[in-house]
Amino acid sequence: MATPEPRYMGGQAVLEGVMMRGAQTWAIAVRDPEGAIKVDVRTVPGWAERYRNIPLVRGVTTLAESLGLGYRALTWSANQQVPEEEQVSETAMGWAVGVAVVVFSALFIVIPVLAGNSLRHLFHGSFPVVEGLVRLALFVAYLLLIGNLRDIKRVFQYHGAEHKAIAAYENDVELTPETAQQFSTAHVRCGTNFLLTVMVIAIIVYSVIPRPNLFFVIGSRLVLVPVIAGLSYEVIRVAAKNIHRGWVRALMRPGLWLQKLTTRQPDLDQLEVAIASLRAVMSAEQLAEVDARAGQRVPRIAPAV
């Protein structure tokens, strides 16, 4: 009988905290204005789990589920930082995310297509290559721009804390802020690495798609988003299982470098929050394992409201 694949921990940074996803639950931990850690634990919807063994499809469903959990986590984390009368609903946040998706599509799909069409003569007609380079340039410029905003810098620090906490768990060391701090802020399964993989896979896929006119090209880009996302998910999945191989590390290195733009070094308080979120989604067996390591410190947690 084949050995079951491991269930990798994953998550994302939110406002003043971290969201983590486990096999059965997902949790958000944030530091409130009074300095206490608040944790909210919820059950994973689970519908994406039904497709876990179907290549390509599992990537699309996992991504869709992650986006849904992400905007809920952002809503909850933001509401912990403001008075009750200023809090926003998940519906309002959903509309905001919808607008962001439209803007994202215009910025990273329509503009690169128009630029690729205008500049392809400079590259001997290599439309997909030019389009891909413009998309990558826009992405890097976007990260550099938002990375200078104070609140985004804080989110990027929590992003680094998320990676360090997961790395500490995956490397079987004592799960404390001090031990997690020794690890890198880069991680092969990071969403930044996934996005760079998407851009590379897109160049390959788009190179075999006919281009009768610009309307067809833009439409094909939108329609092929799930296909490219599914392919990219499989690439990251294989890379994560084979990261011990030198050639795999070499291929993943550009994505790890790019994470220098989306992560910052966290402090011990931020790592404490990330660890609280990670512990909240662990099974009883996983908790027993990490607590068996000497010196495990349980953070001060306030009840969620």
C-alpha atoms as a PDB file:
ATOM      1  CA  MET A   1       0.000   0.000   0.000  1.00  0.00           C
ATOM      2  CA  ALA A   2       1.329   3.442  -0.918  1.00  0.00           C
ATOM      3  CA  THR A   3       2.371   5.724   1.904  1.00  0.00           C
ATOM      4  CA  PRO A   4      -0.107   8.609   2.230  1.00  0.00           C
ATOM      5  CA  GLU A   5       1.263  12.018   1.373  1.00  0.00           C
ATOM      6  CA  PRO A   6       1.884  14.320   4.330  1.00  0.00           C
ATOM      7  CA  ARG A   7      -0.620  17.027   5.146  1.00  0.00           C
ATOM      8  CA  TYR A   8       1.415  20.197   4.848  1.00  0.00           C
ATOM      9  CA  MET A   9       0.644  23.139   7.098  1.00  0.00           C
ATOM     10  CA  GLY A  10      -0.036  26.390   5.307  1.00  0.00           C
ATOM     11  CA  GLY A  11      -1.388  29.830   5.933  1.00  0.00           C
ATOM     12  CA  GLN A  12      -1.190  33.527   5.215  1.00  0.00           C
ATOM     13  CA  ALA A  13      -0.458  36.772   6.979  1.00  0.00           C
ATOM     14  CA  VAL A  14      -3.369  38.974   8.018  1.00  0.00           C
ATOM     15  CA  LEU A  15      -3.631  42.300   9.838  1.00  0.00           C
ATOM     16  CA  GLU A  16      -1.561  41.963  13.026  1.00  0.00           C
ATOM     17  CA  GLY A  17      -1.616  38.199  12.807  1.00  0.00           C
ATOM     18  CA  VAL A  18      -1.500  34.923  10.935  1.00  0.00           C
ATOM     19  CA  MET A  19      -4.049  32.490   9.564  1.00  0.00           C
ATOM     20  CA  MET A  20      -3.107  28.799   9.523  1.00  0.00           C
ATOM     21  CA  ARG A  21      -4.889  25.887   7.854  1.00  0.00           C
ATOM     22  CA  GLY A  22      -4.762  22.322   9.137  1.00  0.00           C
ATOM     23  CA  ALA A  23      -6.419  19.100   8.033  1.00  0.00           C
ATOM     24  CA  GLN A  24      -9.730  19.694   9.816  1.00  0.00           C
ATOM     25  CA  THR A  25      -9.618  23.270  11.088  1.00  0.00           C
ATOM     26  CA  TRP A  26      -8.271  26.687  10.236  1.00  0.00           C
ATOM     27  CA  ALA A  27      -7.403  29.377  12.730  1.00  0.00           C
ATOM     28  CA  ILE A  28      -6.632  33.076  12.890  1.00  0.00           C
ATOM     29  CA  ALA A  29      -4.436  34.475  15.652  1.00  0.00           C
ATOM     30  CA  VAL A  30      -3.944  38.219  16.064  1.00  0.00           C
ATOM     31  CA  ARG A  31      -2.396  40.572  18.581  1.00  0.00           C
ATOM     32  CA  ASP A  32      -5.108  42.960  19.776  1.00  0.00           C
ATOM     33  CA  PRO A  33      -4.474  46.629  20.682  1.00  0.00           C
ATOM     34  CA  GLU A  34      -4.126  45.639  24.360  1.00  0.00           C
ATOM     35  CA  GLY A  35      -1.320  43.192  23.528  1.00  0.00           C
ATOM     36  CA  ALA A  36      -3.160  39.898  24.082  1.00  0.00           C
ATOM     37  CA  ILE A  37      -3.348  37.140  21.472  1.00  0.00           C
ATOM     38  CA  LYS A  38      -6.843  36.362  20.239  1.00  0.00           C
ATOM     39  CA  VAL A  39      -7.482  33.105  18.380  1.00  0.00           C
ATOM     40  CA  ASP A  40     -10.526  32.104  16.348  1.00  0.00           C
ATOM     41  CA  VAL A  41     -10.744  28.452  15.245  1.00  0.00           C
ATOM     42  CA  ARG A  42     -13.150  27.309  12.528  1.00  0.00           C
ATOM     43  CA  THR A  43     -13.875  24.105  10.662  1.00  0.00           C
ATOM     44  CA  VAL A  44     -12.397  23.738   7.177  1.00  0.00           C
ATOM     45  CA  PRO A  45     -15.226  23.667   4.582  1.00  0.00           C
ATOM     46  CA  GLY A  46     -13.767  20.440   3.228  1.00  0.00           C
ATOM     47  CA  TRP A  47     -15.266  20.479  -0.265  1.00  0.00           C
ATOM     48  CA  ALA A  48     -11.814  20.866  -1.823  1.00  0.00           C
ATOM     49  CA  GLU A  49     -10.670  17.746   0.027  1.00  0.00           C
ATOM     50  CA  ARG A  50     -12.891  15.607  -2.216  1.00  0.00           C
ATOM     51  CA  TYR A  51     -10.626  16.431  -5.156  1.00  0.00           C
ATOM     52  CA  ARG A  52      -7.318  15.984  -3.334  1.00  0.00           C
ATOM     53  CA  ASN A  53      -6.293  12.993  -5.461  1.00  0.00           C
ATOM     54  CA  ILE A  54      -7.244  14.460  -8.848  1.00  0.00           C
ATOM     55  CA  PRO A  55      -4.290  16.240 -10.496  1.00  0.00           C
ATOM     56  CA  LEU A  56      -4.942  19.769 -11.811  1.00  0.00           C
ATOM     57  CA  VAL A  57      -8.455  19.829 -10.338  1.00  0.00           C
ATOM     58  CA  ARG A  58      -7.091  19.724  -6.772  1.00  0.00           C
ATOM     59  CA  GLY A  59      -5.015  22.810  -7.441  1.00  0.00           C
ATOM     60  CA  VAL A  60      -7.990  24.838  -8.630  1.00  0.00           C
ATOM     61  CA  THR A  61     -10.274  23.748  -5.782  1.00  0.00           C
ATOM     62  CA  THR A  62      -7.573  24.253  -3.161  1.00  0.00           C
ATOM     63  CA  LEU A  63      -6.868  27.740  -4.493  1.00  0.00           C
ATOM     64  CA  ALA A  64     -10.566  28.637  -4.531  1.00  0.00           C
ATOM     65  CA  GLU A  65     -11.037  27.390  -0.977  1.00  0.00           C
ATOM     66  CA  SER A  66      -7.910  29.235   0.184  1.00  0.00           C
ATOM     67  CA  LEU A  67      -9.143  32.504  -1.316  1.00  0.00           C
ATOM     68  CA  GLY A  68     -12.444  32.091   0.513  1.00  0.00           C
ATOM     69  CA  LEU A  69     -10.739  31.417   3.829  1.00  0.00           C
ATOM     70  CA  GLY A  70      -8.330  34.273   3.173  1.00  0.00           C
ATOM     71  CA  TYR A  71     -10.904  37.024   2.885  1.00  0.00           C
ATOM     72  CA  ARG A  72     -12.734  35.708   5.968  1.00  0.00           C
ATOM     73  CA  ALA A  73      -9.467  35.751   7.890  1.00  0.00           C
ATOM     74  CA  LEU A  74      -8.731  39.299   6.737  1.00  0.00           C
ATOM     75  CA  THR A  75     -12.187  40.433   7.827  1.00  0.00           C
ATOM     76  CA  TRP A  76     -11.866  38.893  11.293  1.00  0.00           C
ATOM     77  CA  SER A  77      -8.337  40.184  11.840  1.00  0.00           C
ATOM     78  CA  ALA A  78      -9.256  43.723  10.792  1.00  0.00           C
ATOM     79  CA  ASN A  79     -12.259  43.742  13.116  1.00  0.00           C
ATOM     80  CA  GLN A  80     -10.068  42.887  16.114  1.00  0.00           C
ATOM     81  CA  GLN A  81      -8.187  46.168  15.680  1.00  0.00           C
ATOM     82  CA  VAL A  82     -11.170  48.571  15.723  1.00  0.00           C
ATOM     83  CA  PRO A  83     -14.210  49.295  17.909  1.00  0.00           C
ATOM     84  CA  GLU A  84     -17.346  47.259  17.257  1.00  0.00           C
ATOM     85  CA  GLU A  85     -19.148  50.150  15.540  1.00  0.00           C
ATOM     86  CA  GLU A  86     -16.356  50.380  12.956  1.00  0.00           C
ATOM     87  CA  GLN A  87     -16.198  46.680  12.102  1.00  0.00           C
ATOM     88  CA  VAL A  88     -16.971  45.414   8.590  1.00  0.00           C
ATOM     89  CA  SER A  89     -18.942  42.366   7.527  1.00  0.00           C
ATOM     90  CA  GLU A  90     -17.630  39.425   5.524  1.00  0.00           C
ATOM     91  CA  THR A  91     -20.039  40.447   2.753  1.00  0.00           C
ATOM     92  CA  ALA A  92     -18.523  43.920   2.552  1.00  0.00           C
ATOM     93  CA  MET A  93     -15.037  42.450   2.531  1.00  0.00           C
ATOM     94  CA  GLY A  94     -16.133  40.008  -0.184  1.00  0.00           C
ATOM     95  CA  TRP A  95     -17.205  42.907  -2.408  1.00  0.00           C
ATOM     96  CA  ALA A  96     -13.866  44.614  -1.764  1.00  0.00           C
ATOM     97  CA  VAL A  97     -12.040  41.433  -2.753  1.00  0.00           C
ATOM     98  CA  GLY A  98     -14.200  41.208  -5.896  1.00  0.00           C
ATOM     99  CA  VAL A  99     -13.196  44.723  -6.919  1.00  0.00           C
ATOM    100  CA  ALA A 100      -9.556  43.857  -6.218  1.00  0.00           C
ATOM    101  CA  VAL A 101      -9.827  40.816  -8.512  1.00  0.00           C
ATOM    102  CA  VAL A 102     -11.133  43.015 -11.345  1.00  0.00           C
ATOM    103  CA  VAL A 103      -8.298  45.506 -10.857  1.00  0.00           C
ATOM    104  CA  PHE A 104      -5.791  42.647 -10.630  1.00  0.00           C
ATOM    105  CA  SER A 105      -7.091  41.190 -13.908  1.00  0.00           C
ATOM    106  CA  ALA A 106      -6.752  44.539 -15.662  1.00  0.00           C
ATOM    107  CA  LEU A 107      -3.258  45.127 -14.308  1.00  0.00           C
ATOM    108  CA  PHE A 108      -1.771  41.668 -14.779  1.00  0.00           C
ATOM    109  CA  ILE A 109      -3.734  40.319 -17.767  1.00  0.00           C
ATOM    110  CA  VAL A 110      -4.958  43.153 -19.999  1.00  0.00           C
ATOM    111  CA  ILE A 111      -1.946  45.489 -19.710  1.00  0.00           C
ATOM    112  CA  PRO A 112       0.656  42.743 -20.381  1.00  0.00           C
ATOM    113  CA  VAL A 113      -1.335  41.601 -23.431  1.00  0.00           C
ATOM    114  CA  LEU A 114      -1.451  45.122 -24.840  1.00  0.00           C
ATOM    115  CA  ALA A 115       2.238  45.641 -24.094  1.00  0.00           C
ATOM    116  CA  GLY A 116       3.157  42.289 -25.630  1.00  0.00           C
ATOM    117  CA  ASN A 117       1.260  43.149 -28.784  1.00  0.00           C
ATOM    118  CA  SER A 118       2.981  46.534 -29.045  1.00  0.00           C
ATOM    119  CA  LEU A 119       6.522  45.362 -28.276  1.00  0.00           C
ATOM    120  CA  ARG A 120       6.667  41.935 -29.887  1.00  0.00           C
ATOM    121  CA  HIS A 121       8.492  43.293 -32.954  1.00  0.00           C
ATOM    122  CA  LEU A 122      11.437  44.102 -30.691  1.00  0.00           C
ATOM    123  CA  PHE A 123      11.687  40.419 -29.731  1.00  0.00           C
ATOM    124  CA  HIS A 124      11.130  38.835 -33.156  1.00  0.00           C
ATOM    125  CA  GLY A 125       7.425  38.250 -32.563  1.00  0.00           C
ATOM    126  CA  SER A 126       7.772  36.408 -29.224  1.00  0.00           C
ATOM    127  CA  PHE A 127       4.404  37.633 -27.953  1.00  0.00           C
ATOM    128  CA  PRO A 128       4.091  35.318 -24.878  1.00  0.00           C
ATOM    129  CA  VAL A 129       7.659  36.050 -23.746  1.00  0.00           C
ATOM    130  CA  VAL A 130       7.205  39.813 -23.940  1.00  0.00           C
ATOM    131  CA  GLU A 131       3.819  39.525 -22.272  1.00  0.00           C
ATOM    132  CA  GLY A 132       5.321  37.421 -19.487  1.00  0.00           C
ATOM    133  CA  LEU A 133       8.233  39.784 -18.916  1.00  0.00           C
ATOM    134  CA  VAL A 134       5.894  42.772 -18.690  1.00  0.00           C
ATOM    135  CA  ARG A 135       3.672  40.881 -16.241  1.00  0.00           C
ATOM    136  CA  LEU A 136       6.670  40.001 -14.073  1.00  0.00           C
ATOM    137  CA  ALA A 137       7.960  43.607 -14.178  1.00  0.00           C
ATOM    138  CA  LEU A 138       4.544  44.908 -13.103  1.00  0.00           C
ATOM    139  CA  PHE A 139       4.398  42.356 -10.289  1.00  0.00           C
ATOM    140  CA  VAL A 140       7.828  43.301  -8.932  1.00  0.00           C
ATOM    141  CA  ALA A 141       7.039  47.027  -9.226  1.00  0.00           C
ATOM    142  CA  TYR A 142       3.760  46.463  -7.381  1.00  0.00           C
ATOM    143  CA  LEU A 143       5.527  44.643  -4.533  1.00  0.00           C
ATOM    144  CA  LEU A 144       8.192  47.336  -4.277  1.00  0.00           C
ATOM    145  CA  LEU A 145       5.511  50.025  -4.155  1.00  0.00           C
ATOM    146  CA  ILE A 146       3.267  48.514  -1.479  1.00  0.00           C
ATOM    147  CA  GLY A 147       6.272  47.294   0.489  1.00  0.00           C
ATOM    148  CA  ASN A 148       6.957  50.895   1.504  1.00  0.00           C
ATOM    149  CA  LEU A 149       3.590  51.256   3.249  1.00  0.00           C
ATOM    150  CA  ARG A 150       3.801  50.953   7.035  1.00  0.00           C
ATOM    151  CA  ASP A 151       0.810  48.622   7.458  1.00  0.00           C
ATOM    152  CA  ILE A 152       1.973  46.390   4.606  1.00  0.00           C
ATOM    153  CA  LYS A 153       5.424  46.134   6.170  1.00  0.00           C
ATOM    154  CA  ARG A 154       3.726  44.786   9.304  1.00  0.00           C
ATOM    155  CA  VAL A 155       1.809  42.239   7.213  1.00  0.00           C
ATOM    156  CA  PHE A 156       5.067  41.208   5.509  1.00  0.00           C
ATOM    157  CA  GLN A 157       6.632  40.689   8.953  1.00  0.00           C
ATOM    158  CA  TYR A 158       3.776  38.383   9.905  1.00  0.00           C
ATOM    159  CA  HIS A 159       4.270  36.644   6.553  1.00  0.00           C
ATOM    160  CA  GLY A 160       7.853  35.952   7.604  1.00  0.00           C
ATOM    161  CA  ALA A 161       6.621  34.779  11.010  1.00  0.00           C
ATOM    162  CA  GLU A 162       4.226  32.339   9.340  1.00  0.00           C
ATOM    163  CA  HIS A 163       7.075  30.806   7.322  1.00  0.00           C
ATOM    164  CA  LYS A 164       9.399  30.552  10.311  1.00  0.00           C
ATOM    165  CA  ALA A 165       6.770  28.897  12.521  1.00  0.00           C
ATOM    166  CA  ILE A 166       5.970  26.310   9.852  1.00  0.00           C
ATOM    167  CA  ALA A 167       9.673  25.684   9.225  1.00  0.00           C
ATOM    168  CA  ALA A 168      10.242  25.093  12.953  1.00  0.00           C
ATOM    169  CA  TYR A 169       7.423  22.548  13.016  1.00  0.00           C
ATOM    170  CA  GLU A 170       8.557  20.807   9.823  1.00  0.00           C
ATOM    171  CA  ASN A 171      12.138  20.570  11.120  1.00  0.00           C
ATOM    172  CA  ASP A 172      11.063  18.958  14.409  1.00  0.00           C
ATOM    173  CA  VAL A 173      12.532  21.592  16.687  1.00  0.00           C
ATOM    174  CA  GLU A 174      11.090  23.100  19.825  1.00  0.00           C
ATOM    175  CA  LEU A 175       8.159  25.269  18.790  1.00  0.00           C
ATOM    176  CA  THR A 176       8.971  28.597  20.470  1.00  0.00           C
ATOM    177  CA  PRO A 177       9.577  32.096  19.085  1.00  0.00           C
ATOM    178  CA  GLU A 178      13.272  31.846  19.890  1.00  0.00           C
ATOM    179  CA  THR A 179      13.812  28.575  18.017  1.00  0.00           C
ATOM    180  CA  ALA A 180      11.586  29.586  15.083  1.00  0.00           C
ATOM    181  CA  GLN A 181      13.578  32.789  14.667  1.00  0.00           C
ATOM    182  CA  GLN A 182      16.604  30.835  13.414  1.00  0.00           C
ATOM    183  CA  PHE A 183      14.814  29.798  10.199  1.00  0.00           C
ATOM    184  CA  SER A 184      14.546  31.672   6.911  1.00  0.00           C
ATOM    185  CA  THR A 185      11.560  33.817   6.004  1.00  0.00           C
ATOM    186  CA  ALA A 186      11.475  32.032   2.610  1.00  0.00           C
ATOM    187  CA  HIS A 187       9.488  28.842   2.040  1.00  0.00           C
ATOM    188  CA  VAL A 188       9.049  26.776  -1.112  1.00  0.00           C
ATOM    189  CA  ARG A 189       5.255  26.511  -0.712  1.00  0.00           C
ATOM    190  CA  CYS A 190       4.800  30.270  -0.346  1.00  0.00           C
ATOM    191  CA  GLY A 191       2.122  31.993  -2.407  1.00  0.00           C
ATOM    192  CA  THR A 192       4.786  34.305  -3.823  1.00  0.00           C
ATOM    193  CA  ASN A 193       6.637  31.294  -5.201  1.00  0.00           C
ATOM    194  CA  PHE A 194       3.332  30.011  -6.565  1.00  0.00           C
ATOM    195  CA  LEU A 195       2.648  33.301  -8.381  1.00  0.00           C
ATOM    196  CA  LEU A 196       6.081  33.300  -9.995  1.00  0.00           C
ATOM    197  CA  THR A 197       5.502  29.702 -11.082  1.00  0.00           C
ATOM    198  CA  VAL A 198       2.157  30.778 -12.549  1.00  0.00           C
ATOM    199  CA  MET A 199       3.898  33.445 -14.633  1.00  0.00           C
ATOM    200  CA  VAL A 200       6.444  30.971 -16.008  1.00  0.00           C
ATOM    201  CA  ILE A 201       3.826  28.291 -16.755  1.00  0.00           C
ATOM    202  CA  ALA A 202       1.664  30.963 -18.422  1.00  0.00           C
ATOM    203  CA  ILE A 203       4.410  31.757 -20.940  1.00  0.00           C
ATOM    204  CA  ILE A 204       4.617  28.080 -21.892  1.00  0.00           C
ATOM    205  CA  VAL A 205       0.838  27.607 -22.164  1.00  0.00           C
ATOM    206  CA  TYR A 206       0.202  30.870 -24.007  1.00  0.00           C
ATOM    207  CA  SER A 207       2.885  30.044 -26.582  1.00  0.00           C
ATOM    208  CA  VAL A 208       0.654  27.303 -28.050  1.00  0.00           C
ATOM    209  CA  ILE A 209      -2.589  29.323 -28.014  1.00  0.00           C
ATOM    210  CA  PRO A 210      -3.571  30.985 -31.332  1.00  0.00           C
ATOM    211  CA  ARG A 211      -3.836  34.783 -31.384  1.00  0.00           C
ATOM    212  CA  PRO A 212      -6.303  35.793 -34.134  1.00  0.00           C
ATOM    213  CA  ASN A 213      -7.070  39.125 -32.412  1.00  0.00           C
ATOM    214  CA  LEU A 214      -6.627  40.943 -29.099  1.00  0.00           C
ATOM    215  CA  PHE A 215     -10.135  40.164 -27.858  1.00  0.00           C
ATOM    216  CA  PHE A 216      -9.512  36.447 -28.311  1.00  0.00           C
ATOM    217  CA  VAL A 217      -6.124  36.737 -26.582  1.00  0.00           C
ATOM    218  CA  ILE A 218      -7.532  38.523 -23.528  1.00  0.00           C
ATOM    219  CA  GLY A 219     -10.455  36.099 -23.349  1.00  0.00           C
ATOM    220  CA  SER A 220      -8.157  33.088 -23.591  1.00  0.00           C
ATOM    221  CA  ARG A 221      -6.036  34.458 -20.739  1.00  0.00           C
ATOM    222  CA  LEU A 222      -9.068  34.687 -18.487  1.00  0.00           C
ATOM    223  CA  VAL A 223     -10.397  31.254 -19.445  1.00  0.00           C
ATOM    224  CA  LEU A 224      -7.021  29.582 -18.949  1.00  0.00           C
ATOM    225  CA  VAL A 225      -6.450  30.949 -15.428  1.00  0.00           C
ATOM    226  CA  PRO A 226      -7.754  27.719 -13.767  1.00  0.00           C
ATOM    227  CA  VAL A 227      -5.633  25.531 -16.063  1.00  0.00           C
ATOM    228  CA  ILE A 228      -2.460  27.474 -15.343  1.00  0.00           C
ATOM    229  CA  ALA A 229      -3.239  27.572 -11.619  1.00  0.00           C
ATOM    230  CA  GLY A 230      -3.734  23.792 -11.610  1.00  0.00           C
ATOM    231  CA  LEU A 231      -0.477  23.155 -13.451  1.00  0.00           C
ATOM    232  CA  SER A 232       1.421  25.531 -11.151  1.00  0.00           C
ATOM    233  CA  TYR A 233       0.008  23.819  -8.079  1.00  0.00           C
ATOM    234  CA  GLU A 234       1.325  20.475  -9.323  1.00  0.00           C
ATOM    235  CA  VAL A 235       4.776  21.969  -9.945  1.00  0.00           C
ATOM    236  CA  ILE A 236       4.938  23.413  -6.411  1.00  0.00           C
ATOM    237  CA  ARG A 237       3.655  20.136  -4.981  1.00  0.00           C
ATOM    238  CA  VAL A 238       6.415  18.135  -6.682  1.00  0.00           C
ATOM    239  CA  ALA A 239       9.036  20.729  -5.699  1.00  0.00           C
ATOM    240  CA  ALA A 240       8.002  20.583  -2.040  1.00  0.00           C
ATOM    241  CA  LYS A 241       8.400  16.792  -2.009  1.00  0.00           C
ATOM    242  CA  ASN A 242      11.813  16.948  -3.711  1.00  0.00           C
ATOM    243  CA  ILE A 243      13.328  20.112  -2.260  1.00  0.00           C
ATOM    244  CA  HIS A 244      16.242  18.024  -0.926  1.00  0.00           C
ATOM    245  CA  ARG A 245      17.431  17.611  -4.536  1.00  0.00           C
ATOM    246  CA  GLY A 246      19.908  20.210  -5.738  1.00  0.00           C
ATOM    247  CA  TRP A 247      18.327  20.788  -9.138  1.00  0.00           C
ATOM    248  CA  VAL A 248      14.910  21.369  -7.543  1.00  0.00           C
ATOM    249  CA  ARG A 249      16.363  23.924  -5.127  1.00  0.00           C
ATOM    250  CA  ALA A 250      18.017  25.644  -8.092  1.00  0.00           C
ATOM    251  CA  LEU A 251      14.712  25.874  -9.987  1.00  0.00           C
ATOM    252  CA  MET A 252      12.900  27.212  -6.916  1.00  0.00           C
ATOM    253  CA  ARG A 253      15.587  29.755  -6.048  1.00  0.00           C
ATOM    254  CA  PRO A 254      14.091  32.669  -8.077  1.00  0.00           C
ATOM    255  CA  GLY A 255      10.808  32.237  -6.197  1.00  0.00           C
ATOM    256  CA  LEU A 256      12.650  32.169  -2.886  1.00  0.00           C
ATOM    257  CA  TRP A 257      14.526  35.337  -3.850  1.00  0.00           C
ATOM    258  CA  LEU A 258      11.266  37.047  -4.767  1.00  0.00           C
ATOM    259  CA  GLN A 259      10.003  36.366  -1.248  1.00  0.00           C
ATOM    260  CA  LYS A 260      12.498  38.957  -0.023  1.00  0.00           C
ATOM    261  CA  LEU A 261       9.941  41.457  -1.326  1.00  0.00           C
ATOM    262  CA  THR A 262       6.929  39.868   0.404  1.00  0.00           C
ATOM    263  CA  THR A 263       8.443  38.945   3.764  1.00  0.00           C
ATOM    264  CA  ARG A 264      10.282  40.831   6.487  1.00  0.00           C
ATOM    265  CA  GLN A 265      12.112  39.625   9.570  1.00  0.00           C
ATOM    266  CA  PRO A 266       9.523  39.294  12.380  1.00  0.00           C
ATOM    267  CA  ASP A 267      10.097  40.014  16.046  1.00  0.00           C
ATOM    268  CA  LEU A 268       9.514  37.483  18.824  1.00  0.00           C
ATOM    269  CA  ASP A 269       6.030  38.832  19.591  1.00  0.00           C
ATOM    270  CA  GLN A 270       4.960  38.266  15.987  1.00  0.00           C
ATOM    271  CA  LEU A 271       6.411  34.759  16.025  1.00  0.00           C
ATOM    272  CA  GLU A 272       4.429  34.075  19.199  1.00  0.00           C
ATOM    273  CA  VAL A 273       1.243  34.952  17.335  1.00  0.00           C
ATOM    274  CA  ALA A 274       2.160  32.719  14.378  1.00  0.00           C
ATOM    275  CA  ILE A 275       2.885  29.808  16.707  1.00  0.00           C
ATOM    276  CA  ALA A 276      -0.432  30.321  18.514  1.00  0.00           C
ATOM    277  CA  SER A 277      -2.233  30.069  15.169  1.00  0.00           C
ATOM    278  CA  LEU A 278      -0.238  26.986  14.176  1.00  0.00           C
ATOM    279  CA  ARG A 279      -0.922  25.212  17.464  1.00  0.00           C
ATOM    280  CA  ALA A 280      -4.634  25.976  17.129  1.00  0.00           C
ATOM    281  CA  VAL A 281      -4.959  23.834  13.971  1.00  0.00           C
ATOM    282  CA  MET A 282      -2.862  20.908  15.150  1.00  0.00           C
ATOM    283  CA  SER A 283      -4.418  17.561  15.954  1.00  0.00           C
ATOM    284  CA  ALA A 284      -4.113  16.113  19.454  1.00  0.00           C
ATOM    285  CA  GLU A 285      -1.301  13.852  18.223  1.00  0.00           C
ATOM    286  CA  GLN A 286       0.589  16.774  16.701  1.00  0.00           C
ATOM    287  CA  LEU A 287       0.214  18.839  19.873  1.00  0.00           C
ATOM    288  CA  ALA A 288       1.454  15.962  22.002  1.00  0.00           C
ATOM    289  CA  GLU A 289       4.476  15.664  19.720  1.00  0.00           C
ATOM    290  CA  VAL A 290       5.445  19.337  19.832  1.00  0.00           C
ATOM    291  CA  ASP A 291       4.745  19.628  23.580  1.00  0.00           C
ATOM    292  CA  ALA A 292       7.058  16.683  24.202  1.00  0.00           C
ATOM    293  CA  ARG A 293       9.959  18.816  23.022  1.00  0.00           C
ATOM    294  CA  ALA A 294      11.694  20.415  25.961  1.00  0.00           C
ATOM    295  CA  GLY A 295      10.738  23.895  27.062  1.00  0.00           C
ATOM    296  CA  GLN A 296       7.510  24.290  25.072  1.00  0.00           C
ATOM    297  CA  ARG A 297       5.992  27.671  25.971  1.00  0.00           C
ATOM    298  CA  VAL A 298       2.238  28.233  25.561  1.00  0.00           C
ATOM    299  CA  PRO A 299       1.404  31.886  24.709  1.00  0.00           C
ATOM    300  CA  ARG A 300      -1.150  34.000  26.579  1.00  0.00           C
ATOM    301  CA  ILE A 301      -4.372  33.747  24.631  1.00  0.00           C
ATOM    302  CA  ALA A 302      -7.488  35.843  25.130  1.00  0.00           C
ATOM    303  CA  PRO A 303     -10.880  34.427  24.131  1.00  0.00           C
ATOM    304  CA  ALA A 304     -12.162  35.460  20.696  1.00  0.00           C
ATOM    305  CA  VAL A 305     -15.109  37.835  20.621  1.00  0.00           C
END
